[in-house]
Amino acid sequence: MRVLLAYTSLHASHGGPPLVVARVAEVLSNAGATVALLTADDSGSQPSPLKVPRVRYFSGGIATAIEEFGRPDVIHDHSLWIPHHHAIANFAAARRIPLVVSPLGSLQPQALKIKALRKRAAWFLYQRRNLNKAQLIHAASQLELDAIRLLGLTPPVTLIPHGIDLPEPIAKATQGKRTALFLGRIHPVKGLPMLIAAWAKVKPENWLLRIIGPDEDRHQAVVERAVRQARLEDTVSFRGPIAGTAKAATLRDADLFILPSYTENFGVAVAEALAAEVPVITTTGTPWHELDSRGCGWCTAPDETPLASTLSRATALPATVLSEMGRKGREWMAADFSWDRIVERYLDAYAGLLRSRA
């Protein structure tokens, strides 16, 4: 099977989605597919730690990439709204190549409120029509699937969660201050000012809060101002994006992971934290509602007061209890989110499209 994947960029400033798309390319290739990945910017032609030798990478126009790669059996495009994805939808329709679209959370109600006027115009001008040209829409969670179905689109929607890699388990250090970690894009949708307000209410003793990730829309200045106003400079720190061994070490050393997002279609960072045996606090705006019942975290309303209450309970727990919660989280990830299981679901979805065209 020949599969062309497409995404906006492989640059780290785009947060988790490039990691997901690059990993999908890798596992499909490992499973025997012939895979290419096309980006809208120059990152497809630049050196990157995300690149896999067996996968071919292209930048820019889809016609040029197809000319070199050859006709794919399936095109799987990720994300929406920019001319790159508009061109891909038209190309696939004109050449009758089955098209799969992964919105990656961009059709969530909260996401549609960001730059709402521009998106509403794009929706009526081309975006709805482009999505209806697809043969299949991919949702990464039930939350995302429900949001997509409410839009009344005609293609079927399939649910395939993102996969997760399990790092080698390593004993955590137990000396010194304990660490709560946010790792992701510093963006308004992530709820970081709310987290700072909740942290200021609790001020957990002997805990530090680390906020790590790329700054988007200059939002880090807003969060830093909230830290200063709450006089939390001694306990809250910031760092830019990290990857590879530095990211793995940061997750390993955390005692608690916090994703206070107002909305997420999946929340790869949550899965990564659980795989690293770190219990998680997140919100009901994400699809991780099973954290409480699985005994590996808390899912609370995206509001300052319930978040503060949850923080108070979590940071008061002994390290041994948090460690046991982390172990349960890793077991969940191994059972339901391993890439070996997920890649088969991708291949089955693609094969179903090809059978329907035969």
Protein backbone atom coordinates (compact mmCIF):
# COMPACT_ATOMS: atom_id res chain seq x y z
CA MET A 1 0.00 0.00 0.00
CA ARG A 2 1.25 3.47 -0.93
CA VAL A 3 0.25 6.20 1.55
CA LEU A 4 0.87 9.94 1.32
CA LEU A 5 0.56 11.73 4.66
CA ALA A 6 0.32 15.52 4.81
CA TYR A 7 0.64 18.06 7.59
CA THR A 8 1.41 21.75 7.95
CA SER A 9 4.92 21.45 9.39
CA LEU A 10 7.44 19.27 11.21
CA HIS A 11 8.80 22.22 13.19
CA ALA A 12 8.73 21.91 17.01
CA SER A 13 6.79 25.18 17.26
CA HIS A 14 3.69 23.27 16.12
CA GLY A 15 3.64 21.27 19.35
CA GLY A 16 2.40 17.67 19.48
CA PRO A 17 0.80 17.15 16.03
CA PRO A 18 4.12 16.89 14.09
CA LEU A 19 5.24 14.17 16.53
CA VAL A 20 2.02 12.25 15.95
CA VAL A 21 2.11 12.54 12.15
CA ALA A 22 5.79 11.60 11.97
CA ARG A 23 5.20 8.60 14.21
CA VAL A 24 2.25 7.48 12.09
CA ALA A 25 4.54 7.64 9.05
CA GLU A 26 7.12 5.52 10.85
CA VAL A 27 4.77 2.80 12.09
CA LEU A 28 3.04 2.54 8.71
CA SER A 29 6.44 2.09 7.09
CA ASN A 30 7.41 -0.52 9.68
CA ALA A 31 4.19 -2.37 8.86
CA GLY A 32 5.19 -2.60 5.18
CA ALA A 33 3.49 0.42 3.60
CA THR A 34 5.34 2.72 1.21
CA VAL A 35 5.04 6.12 2.85
CA ALA A 36 5.72 9.76 1.99
CA LEU A 37 5.07 12.84 4.13
CA LEU A 38 4.32 16.24 2.61
CA THR A 39 4.55 19.51 4.57
CA ALA A 40 3.20 22.93 3.65
CA ASP A 41 6.47 24.68 4.60
CA ASP A 42 10.15 23.88 4.06
CA SER A 43 10.37 21.45 6.99
CA GLY A 44 9.86 18.46 4.71
CA SER A 45 13.14 19.24 2.98
CA GLN A 46 15.09 20.26 6.10
CA PRO A 47 16.97 18.01 8.56
CA SER A 48 14.75 17.00 11.47
CA PRO A 49 14.94 14.49 14.33
CA LEU A 50 11.39 13.46 13.39
CA LYS A 51 12.40 12.07 10.02
CA VAL A 52 12.54 8.32 9.42
CA PRO A 53 14.97 7.03 6.73
CA ARG A 54 12.40 4.72 5.11
CA VAL A 55 9.85 7.53 4.70
CA ARG A 56 10.20 10.05 1.88
CA TYR A 57 9.70 13.72 2.71
CA PHE A 58 8.54 16.57 0.51
CA SER A 59 7.82 20.28 0.93
CA GLY A 60 5.44 22.55 -0.94
CA GLY A 61 3.13 21.57 -3.80
CA ILE A 62 1.34 18.24 -3.86
CA ALA A 63 1.60 17.82 -7.64
CA THR A 64 5.40 17.99 -7.50
CA ALA A 65 5.49 15.48 -4.63
CA ILE A 66 3.20 13.05 -6.46
CA GLU A 67 5.30 13.33 -9.59
CA GLU A 68 8.35 12.12 -7.65
CA PHE A 69 6.63 9.72 -5.23
CA GLY A 70 4.11 8.23 -7.65
CA ARG A 71 0.35 7.88 -7.35
CA PRO A 72 -0.61 6.96 -3.76
CA ASP A 73 -3.38 4.51 -2.94
CA VAL A 74 -4.52 6.80 -0.11
CA ILE A 75 -3.90 10.43 0.85
CA HIS A 76 -4.21 11.11 4.58
CA ASP A 77 -4.27 14.82 5.31
CA HIS A 78 -3.96 16.28 8.80
CA SER A 79 -5.45 19.61 9.92
CA LEU A 80 -7.47 22.24 8.05
CA TRP A 81 -7.93 25.89 7.16
CA ILE A 82 -4.80 26.75 5.13
CA PRO A 83 -4.33 26.69 1.31
CA HIS A 84 -2.11 23.58 1.55
CA HIS A 85 -5.02 21.45 2.74
CA HIS A 86 -7.43 23.06 0.28
CA ALA A 87 -5.10 22.09 -2.59
CA ILE A 88 -4.81 18.52 -1.32
CA ALA A 89 -8.60 18.06 -1.15
CA ASN A 90 -9.00 19.32 -4.72
CA PHE A 91 -6.10 17.20 -5.98
CA ALA A 92 -7.46 14.00 -4.42
CA ALA A 93 -10.98 14.63 -5.75
CA ALA A 94 -9.78 15.43 -9.27
CA ARG A 95 -7.69 12.24 -9.46
CA ARG A 96 -10.13 10.04 -7.54
CA ILE A 97 -7.62 9.13 -4.87
CA PRO A 98 -9.26 8.17 -1.55
CA LEU A 99 -8.81 10.98 0.97
CA VAL A 100 -8.74 10.64 4.75
CA VAL A 101 -8.82 13.83 6.85
CA SER A 102 -7.70 14.14 10.47
CA PRO A 103 -8.84 17.54 11.81
CA LEU A 104 -6.55 17.17 14.88
CA GLY A 105 -8.97 19.04 17.10
CA SER A 106 -9.54 21.98 14.76
CA LEU A 107 -13.30 21.25 14.60
CA GLN A 108 -13.79 21.28 18.39
CA PRO A 109 -16.24 24.00 19.51
CA GLN A 110 -13.58 25.82 21.53
CA ALA A 111 -11.12 25.69 18.63
CA LEU A 112 -13.72 27.13 16.25
CA LYS A 113 -14.03 30.18 18.53
CA ILE A 114 -10.39 31.11 17.89
CA LYS A 115 -10.28 33.52 14.91
CA ALA A 116 -13.99 32.73 14.61
CA LEU A 117 -14.93 35.19 11.85
CA ARG A 118 -12.12 34.02 9.59
CA LYS A 119 -13.00 30.36 10.17
CA ARG A 120 -16.70 30.94 9.61
CA ALA A 121 -15.95 32.55 6.26
CA ALA A 122 -13.57 29.74 5.30
CA TRP A 123 -16.17 27.15 6.34
CA PHE A 124 -18.77 28.49 3.91
CA LEU A 125 -16.30 29.32 1.13
CA TYR A 126 -14.39 26.03 0.94
CA GLN A 127 -13.73 24.12 4.17
CA ARG A 128 -17.06 22.32 4.49
CA ARG A 129 -16.94 21.41 0.80
CA ASN A 130 -13.37 20.11 1.17
CA LEU A 131 -14.31 17.89 4.10
CA ASN A 132 -17.25 16.48 2.18
CA LYS A 133 -14.82 15.48 -0.59
CA ALA A 134 -13.10 13.10 1.83
CA GLN A 135 -14.00 9.42 1.91
CA LEU A 136 -13.28 9.20 5.64
CA ILE A 137 -12.78 11.59 8.56
CA HIS A 138 -10.57 10.42 11.41
CA ALA A 139 -11.28 11.39 15.03
CA ALA A 140 -8.76 10.64 17.78
CA SER A 141 -11.33 10.47 20.60
CA GLN A 142 -15.05 10.08 21.23
CA LEU A 143 -15.14 13.74 22.20
CA GLU A 144 -13.80 14.75 18.79
CA LEU A 145 -16.02 12.28 16.94
CA ASP A 146 -19.14 13.72 18.59
CA ALA A 147 -18.09 17.29 17.69
CA ILE A 148 -17.50 16.33 14.05
CA ARG A 149 -20.87 14.60 13.71
CA LEU A 150 -22.67 17.68 15.00
CA LEU A 151 -21.42 19.58 11.94
CA GLY A 152 -23.53 17.44 9.60
CA LEU A 153 -20.72 16.36 7.28
CA THR A 154 -21.43 13.55 4.83
CA PRO A 155 -18.32 11.27 5.07
CA PRO A 156 -18.21 8.52 7.70
CA VAL A 157 -16.15 9.24 10.83
CA THR A 158 -13.84 6.62 12.34
CA LEU A 159 -12.35 6.65 15.82
CA ILE A 160 -8.65 5.73 16.05
CA PRO A 161 -6.75 7.08 19.06
CA HIS A 162 -3.17 8.23 18.75
CA GLY A 163 -0.61 5.64 19.72
CA ILE A 164 2.02 6.05 22.41
CA ASP A 165 5.55 4.79 22.90
CA LEU A 166 6.37 3.29 26.28
CA PRO A 167 9.74 4.45 27.67
CA GLU A 168 11.82 2.13 29.79
CA PRO A 169 10.64 2.38 33.41
CA ILE A 170 13.22 4.17 35.59
CA ALA A 171 13.05 4.77 39.33
CA LYS A 172 12.29 8.40 40.15
CA ALA A 173 14.41 10.53 42.46
CA THR A 174 12.65 11.19 45.76
CA GLN A 175 14.82 13.95 47.24
CA GLY A 176 14.29 17.70 47.02
CA LYS A 177 11.26 19.62 45.88
CA ARG A 178 8.52 17.83 43.97
CA THR A 179 7.59 18.93 40.45
CA ALA A 180 4.31 19.54 38.68
CA LEU A 181 4.76 19.80 34.92
CA PHE A 182 2.90 21.38 32.01
CA LEU A 183 4.43 20.34 28.68
CA GLY A 184 2.84 21.66 25.49
CA ARG A 185 2.04 24.76 23.46
CA ILE A 186 1.76 27.95 25.51
CA HIS A 187 -1.52 28.98 23.91
CA PRO A 188 -4.80 30.48 25.22
CA VAL A 189 -6.68 27.21 24.74
CA LYS A 190 -4.36 25.46 27.23
CA GLY A 191 -5.80 27.26 30.27
CA LEU A 192 -2.48 28.33 31.80
CA PRO A 193 -3.71 31.59 33.43
CA MET A 194 -6.38 29.46 35.11
CA LEU A 195 -3.66 27.08 36.32
CA ILE A 196 -1.63 29.96 37.74
CA ALA A 197 -4.69 31.28 39.60
CA ALA A 198 -5.38 27.81 41.01
CA TRP A 199 -1.72 27.34 41.96
CA ALA A 200 -1.78 30.70 43.78
CA LYS A 201 -4.80 29.56 45.80
CA VAL A 202 -3.14 26.31 46.87
CA LYS A 203 0.56 27.26 47.05
CA PRO A 204 1.51 23.63 47.70
CA GLU A 205 4.43 23.33 50.07
CA ASN A 206 7.67 21.91 48.64
CA TRP A 207 6.32 21.87 45.05
CA LEU A 208 7.53 23.59 41.89
CA LEU A 209 5.50 24.19 38.71
CA ARG A 210 7.38 23.95 35.40
CA ILE A 211 5.78 25.30 32.20
CA ILE A 212 7.60 24.02 29.12
CA GLY A 213 6.78 24.49 25.45
CA PRO A 214 6.69 26.85 22.48
CA ASP A 215 5.10 30.28 22.86
CA GLU A 216 2.15 30.83 20.50
CA ASP A 217 0.43 34.14 19.81
CA ARG A 218 2.72 35.76 22.42
CA HIS A 219 0.67 34.10 25.12
CA GLN A 220 3.64 33.37 27.37
CA ALA A 221 3.80 37.07 28.30
CA VAL A 222 0.21 36.81 29.55
CA VAL A 223 1.04 33.79 31.69
CA GLU A 224 4.25 35.34 33.01
CA ARG A 225 2.31 38.45 34.02
CA ALA A 226 -0.14 36.27 35.97
CA VAL A 227 2.82 34.64 37.75
CA ARG A 228 4.26 38.02 38.73
CA GLN A 229 0.91 39.34 39.92
CA ALA A 230 0.46 36.25 42.10
CA ARG A 231 4.07 36.55 43.35
CA LEU A 232 4.88 33.00 42.30
CA GLU A 233 8.24 33.68 40.65
CA ASP A 234 10.02 31.42 43.17
CA THR A 235 7.89 28.38 42.37
CA VAL A 236 6.89 28.74 38.69
CA SER A 237 9.44 28.54 35.87
CA PHE A 238 9.32 28.66 32.06
CA ARG A 239 11.34 26.93 29.37
CA GLY A 240 11.05 26.70 25.59
CA PRO A 241 10.27 23.54 23.61
CA ILE A 242 12.27 20.38 24.32
CA ALA A 243 12.46 17.04 22.54
CA GLY A 244 14.22 13.70 22.56
CA THR A 245 16.19 12.70 25.63
CA ALA A 246 15.61 16.08 27.33
CA LYS A 247 11.85 15.63 27.02
CA ALA A 248 12.02 12.03 28.24
CA ALA A 249 14.10 13.04 31.26
CA THR A 250 11.75 15.91 32.10
CA LEU A 251 8.72 13.62 32.06
CA ARG A 252 10.55 10.97 34.06
CA ASP A 253 11.49 13.47 36.78
CA ALA A 254 7.99 14.95 37.15
CA ASP A 255 5.78 13.93 40.06
CA LEU A 256 2.54 15.25 38.57
CA PHE A 257 1.47 16.30 35.07
CA ILE A 258 -1.11 19.05 34.51
CA LEU A 259 -2.97 19.80 31.26
CA PRO A 260 -5.63 22.43 32.13
CA SER A 261 -6.90 22.81 28.55
CA TYR A 262 -10.35 24.11 27.76
CA THR A 263 -10.43 21.70 24.81
CA GLU A 264 -8.34 18.88 23.31
CA ASN A 265 -9.20 16.39 20.62
CA PHE A 266 -6.81 13.89 22.23
CA GLY A 267 -4.03 15.40 24.34
CA VAL A 268 -0.90 13.46 23.37
CA ALA A 269 0.96 14.99 26.31
CA VAL A 270 -1.41 13.20 28.71
CA ALA A 271 -0.65 9.84 27.10
CA GLU A 272 3.09 10.57 27.18
CA ALA A 273 2.93 11.44 30.87
CA LEU A 274 0.96 8.31 31.73
CA ALA A 275 3.40 6.19 29.72
CA ALA A 276 6.20 7.72 31.80
CA GLU A 277 4.33 6.72 35.00
CA VAL A 278 3.30 10.27 35.91
CA PRO A 279 -0.25 10.78 37.26
CA VAL A 280 -2.25 13.47 35.47
CA ILE A 281 -4.61 16.31 36.29
CA THR A 282 -6.63 17.50 33.30
CA THR A 283 -10.10 18.86 32.52
CA THR A 284 -13.41 17.63 31.19
CA GLY A 285 -12.59 19.61 28.03
CA THR A 286 -10.21 16.78 27.14
CA PRO A 287 -11.17 13.15 26.34
CA TRP A 288 -9.34 11.75 29.40
CA HIS A 289 -12.46 11.22 31.53
CA GLU A 290 -11.32 7.74 32.62
CA LEU A 291 -8.39 9.02 34.68
CA ASP A 292 -10.33 8.85 37.94
CA SER A 293 -11.83 5.41 37.37
CA ARG A 294 -8.46 4.07 36.20
CA GLY A 295 -6.82 5.37 39.37
CA CYS A 296 -4.12 7.29 37.53
CA GLY A 297 -5.27 10.91 37.79
CA TRP A 298 -8.08 13.42 37.99
CA CYS A 299 -10.39 14.98 35.40
CA THR A 300 -11.94 18.19 36.68
CA ALA A 301 -14.06 21.03 35.33
CA PRO A 302 -12.03 23.68 33.43
CA ASP A 303 -12.47 26.31 36.10
CA GLU A 304 -10.17 27.85 38.72
CA THR A 305 -11.99 26.63 41.85
CA PRO A 306 -12.35 22.89 41.01
CA LEU A 307 -8.84 22.89 39.57
CA ALA A 308 -7.48 24.38 42.81
CA SER A 309 -9.38 21.77 44.85
CA THR A 310 -7.91 18.95 42.75
CA LEU A 311 -4.42 20.44 42.99
CA SER A 312 -4.77 20.61 46.76
CA ARG A 313 -5.69 16.92 47.00
CA ALA A 314 -3.07 15.73 44.53
CA THR A 315 -0.11 17.66 45.95
CA ALA A 316 -0.96 16.47 49.49
CA LEU A 317 -0.55 12.80 48.52
CA PRO A 318 2.61 10.92 49.51
CA ALA A 319 5.12 10.16 46.76
CA THR A 320 4.38 6.45 47.10
CA VAL A 321 0.70 7.00 46.26
CA LEU A 322 1.50 9.15 43.22
CA SER A 323 4.01 6.52 42.10
CA GLU A 324 1.38 3.77 42.29
CA MET A 325 -1.04 5.95 40.30
CA GLY A 326 1.67 6.43 37.68
CA ARG A 327 2.17 2.67 37.43
CA LYS A 328 -1.54 2.18 36.73
CA GLY A 329 -1.37 4.85 34.03
CA ARG A 330 1.47 3.07 32.26
CA GLU A 331 -0.45 -0.23 32.35
CA TRP A 332 -3.44 1.50 30.71
CA MET A 333 -1.28 2.96 27.95
CA ALA A 334 0.36 -0.42 27.26
CA ALA A 335 -3.00 -2.18 27.06
CA ASP A 336 -4.97 0.26 24.88
CA PHE A 337 -2.63 2.72 23.14
CA SER A 338 0.42 0.82 21.92
CA TRP A 339 1.39 1.60 18.33
CA ASP A 340 1.27 -2.10 17.37
CA ARG A 341 -2.47 -2.02 17.98
CA ILE A 342 -3.10 1.41 16.49
CA VAL A 343 -1.26 0.88 13.19
CA GLU A 344 -3.47 -2.10 12.36
CA ARG A 345 -6.52 0.11 12.72
CA TYR A 346 -5.06 2.65 10.29
CA LEU A 347 -4.27 -0.06 7.74
CA ASP A 348 -7.74 -1.59 8.09
CA ALA A 349 -9.34 1.83 7.51
CA TYR A 350 -7.24 2.44 4.39
CA ALA A 351 -7.93 -1.07 3.06
CA GLY A 352 -11.66 -0.57 3.55
CA LEU A 353 -11.53 2.56 1.37
CA LEU A 354 -9.69 0.68 -1.37
CA ARG A 355 -12.18 -2.19 -1.27
CA SER A 356 -15.07 0.24 -1.62
CA ARG A 357 -13.42 1.69 -4.74
CA ALA A 358 -12.78 -1.70 -6.33
